[in-house]
Amino acid sequence: QVQLVESGGGSVQPGGSLRLSCAVSPSSNSINYMGWFRQPPGKEREGVAAIDSDGSTTYADSVKGRFTISKDNAKNMLYLQMNSLKSEDTALYYCAAIVGATMYWGQGTQVTV
């Protein structure tokens, strides 16, 4: 069982920055893929960024060059650095992890731009 707890959301002006954090328990070392998703108001959930066990990353086109996903296995943390935020980045952001065939989700953290 993997538990994910997001933090770091809030309200920010366009052009501003936020860093989301996701605490992973019991450990992030055995997780193959981790990522961030978001669900804008009235829209479906969409993928934002992902990172695999080797540290390779992928991004949605809409956030490339503005968002950076990273992880710290020693601290069991996943991060999403968001710069140059736009109003269209407003959404509920979720941390997710895939272990084997199971996908785990956090409870979400709200970002309002």
Protein backbone atom coordinates (compact mmCIF):
# COMPACT_ATOMS: atom_id res chain seq x y z
CA GLN A 1 0.00 0.00 0.00
CA VAL A 2 1.38 3.39 -1.05
CA GLN A 3 0.17 6.62 0.46
CA LEU A 4 0.66 9.96 -1.25
CA VAL A 5 0.12 13.35 0.39
CA GLU A 6 0.39 16.53 -1.67
CA SER A 7 1.17 20.00 -0.38
CA GLY A 8 2.25 23.37 -1.70
CA GLY A 9 -0.82 24.48 -3.60
CA GLY A 10 -2.26 27.95 -3.30
CA SER A 11 -3.15 31.12 -5.14
CA VAL A 12 -0.61 32.95 -7.26
CA GLN A 13 -0.62 35.75 -9.81
CA PRO A 14 0.00 34.95 -13.49
CA GLY A 15 3.72 34.69 -14.11
CA GLY A 16 4.36 33.49 -10.59
CA SER A 17 5.76 30.22 -9.30
CA LEU A 18 4.75 27.42 -6.96
CA ARG A 19 6.38 24.18 -5.91
CA LEU A 20 4.18 21.20 -5.20
CA SER A 21 5.43 18.43 -2.97
CA CYS A 22 4.23 14.87 -2.59
CA ALA A 23 5.23 12.80 0.43
CA VAL A 24 5.43 9.11 -0.39
CA SER A 25 5.08 6.35 2.17
CA PRO A 26 6.40 3.89 2.96
CA SER A 27 9.11 4.46 0.32
CA SER A 28 9.51 5.77 -3.20
CA ASN A 29 12.43 3.47 -3.99
CA SER A 30 10.29 0.63 -5.35
CA ILE A 31 7.99 2.79 -7.44
CA ASN A 32 8.47 2.49 -11.19
CA TYR A 33 6.67 5.64 -12.26
CA MET A 34 5.49 8.72 -10.46
CA GLY A 35 3.76 11.71 -11.86
CA TRP A 36 1.54 14.72 -11.52
CA PHE A 37 -1.95 15.03 -12.95
CA ARG A 38 -4.38 17.90 -12.82
CA GLN A 39 -8.08 18.44 -13.21
CA PRO A 40 -9.13 21.92 -14.28
CA PRO A 41 -12.63 23.11 -13.31
CA GLY A 42 -15.26 21.38 -15.44
CA LYS A 43 -12.69 19.33 -17.32
CA GLU A 44 -11.26 15.82 -17.19
CA ARG A 45 -8.09 14.88 -15.37
CA GLU A 46 -4.95 15.17 -17.51
CA GLY A 47 -1.35 14.18 -17.20
CA VAL A 48 1.16 16.94 -16.49
CA ALA A 49 4.55 15.32 -15.91
CA ALA A 50 6.04 11.94 -15.09
CA ILE A 51 9.35 10.53 -13.91
CA ASP A 52 10.53 6.94 -13.97
CA SER A 53 12.86 5.02 -11.69
CA ASP A 54 15.89 6.06 -13.79
CA GLY A 55 14.96 9.72 -13.55
CA SER A 56 13.75 10.09 -17.12
CA THR A 57 11.01 12.68 -17.41
CA THR A 58 8.13 13.47 -19.73
CA TYR A 59 5.88 16.52 -19.85
CA ALA A 60 2.62 17.57 -21.38
CA ASP A 61 3.19 20.02 -24.22
CA SER A 62 1.26 22.69 -22.35
CA VAL A 63 3.81 22.78 -19.50
CA LYS A 64 7.10 22.05 -21.28
CA GLY A 65 9.74 24.61 -20.42
CA ARG A 66 7.72 25.91 -17.45
CA PHE A 67 7.29 22.91 -15.12
CA THR A 68 9.96 20.59 -13.75
CA ILE A 69 9.30 17.25 -12.07
CA SER A 70 11.88 15.82 -9.71
CA LYS A 71 12.16 13.33 -6.90
CA ASP A 72 14.29 12.74 -3.86
CA ASN A 73 14.32 9.04 -3.00
CA ALA A 74 16.27 9.66 0.19
CA LYS A 75 13.43 11.84 1.46
CA ASN A 76 10.63 9.88 -0.27
CA MET A 77 9.44 13.04 -1.96
CA LEU A 78 8.17 14.00 -5.40
CA TYR A 79 8.16 17.61 -6.53
CA LEU A 80 6.67 19.76 -9.27
CA GLN A 81 8.27 23.15 -9.75
CA MET A 82 5.85 25.36 -11.66
CA ASN A 83 7.11 28.62 -13.16
CA SER A 84 5.52 31.21 -15.42
CA LEU A 85 2.11 30.11 -14.28
CA LYS A 86 -0.89 30.92 -16.44
CA SER A 87 -4.58 31.13 -15.67
CA GLU A 88 -5.09 27.90 -17.59
CA ASP A 89 -2.89 26.11 -15.06
CA THR A 90 -5.65 26.53 -12.49
CA ALA A 91 -6.62 23.03 -11.40
CA LEU A 92 -6.64 20.45 -8.66
CA TYR A 93 -3.23 18.79 -8.86
CA TYR A 94 -2.75 15.14 -7.96
CA CYS A 95 0.33 13.10 -7.24
CA ALA A 96 0.24 9.55 -8.61
CA ALA A 97 2.39 6.44 -8.41
CA ILE A 98 2.39 3.15 -10.28
CA VAL A 99 3.52 0.05 -8.43
CA GLY A 100 3.19 -3.09 -10.51
CA ALA A 101 -0.31 -2.95 -11.97
CA THR A 102 -1.72 -0.64 -9.31
CA MET A 103 -2.03 3.12 -9.54
CA TYR A 104 -2.18 5.15 -6.37
CA TRP A 105 -3.46 8.72 -6.01
CA GLY A 106 -3.07 11.49 -3.52
CA GLN A 107 -5.98 13.61 -2.34
CA GLY A 108 -5.02 16.61 -4.48
CA THR A 109 -3.90 20.16 -3.85
CA GLN A 110 -5.54 23.21 -5.40
CA VAL A 111 -3.59 25.63 -7.57
CA THR A 112 -5.31 28.86 -8.56
CA VAL A 113 -3.68 31.32 -10.96
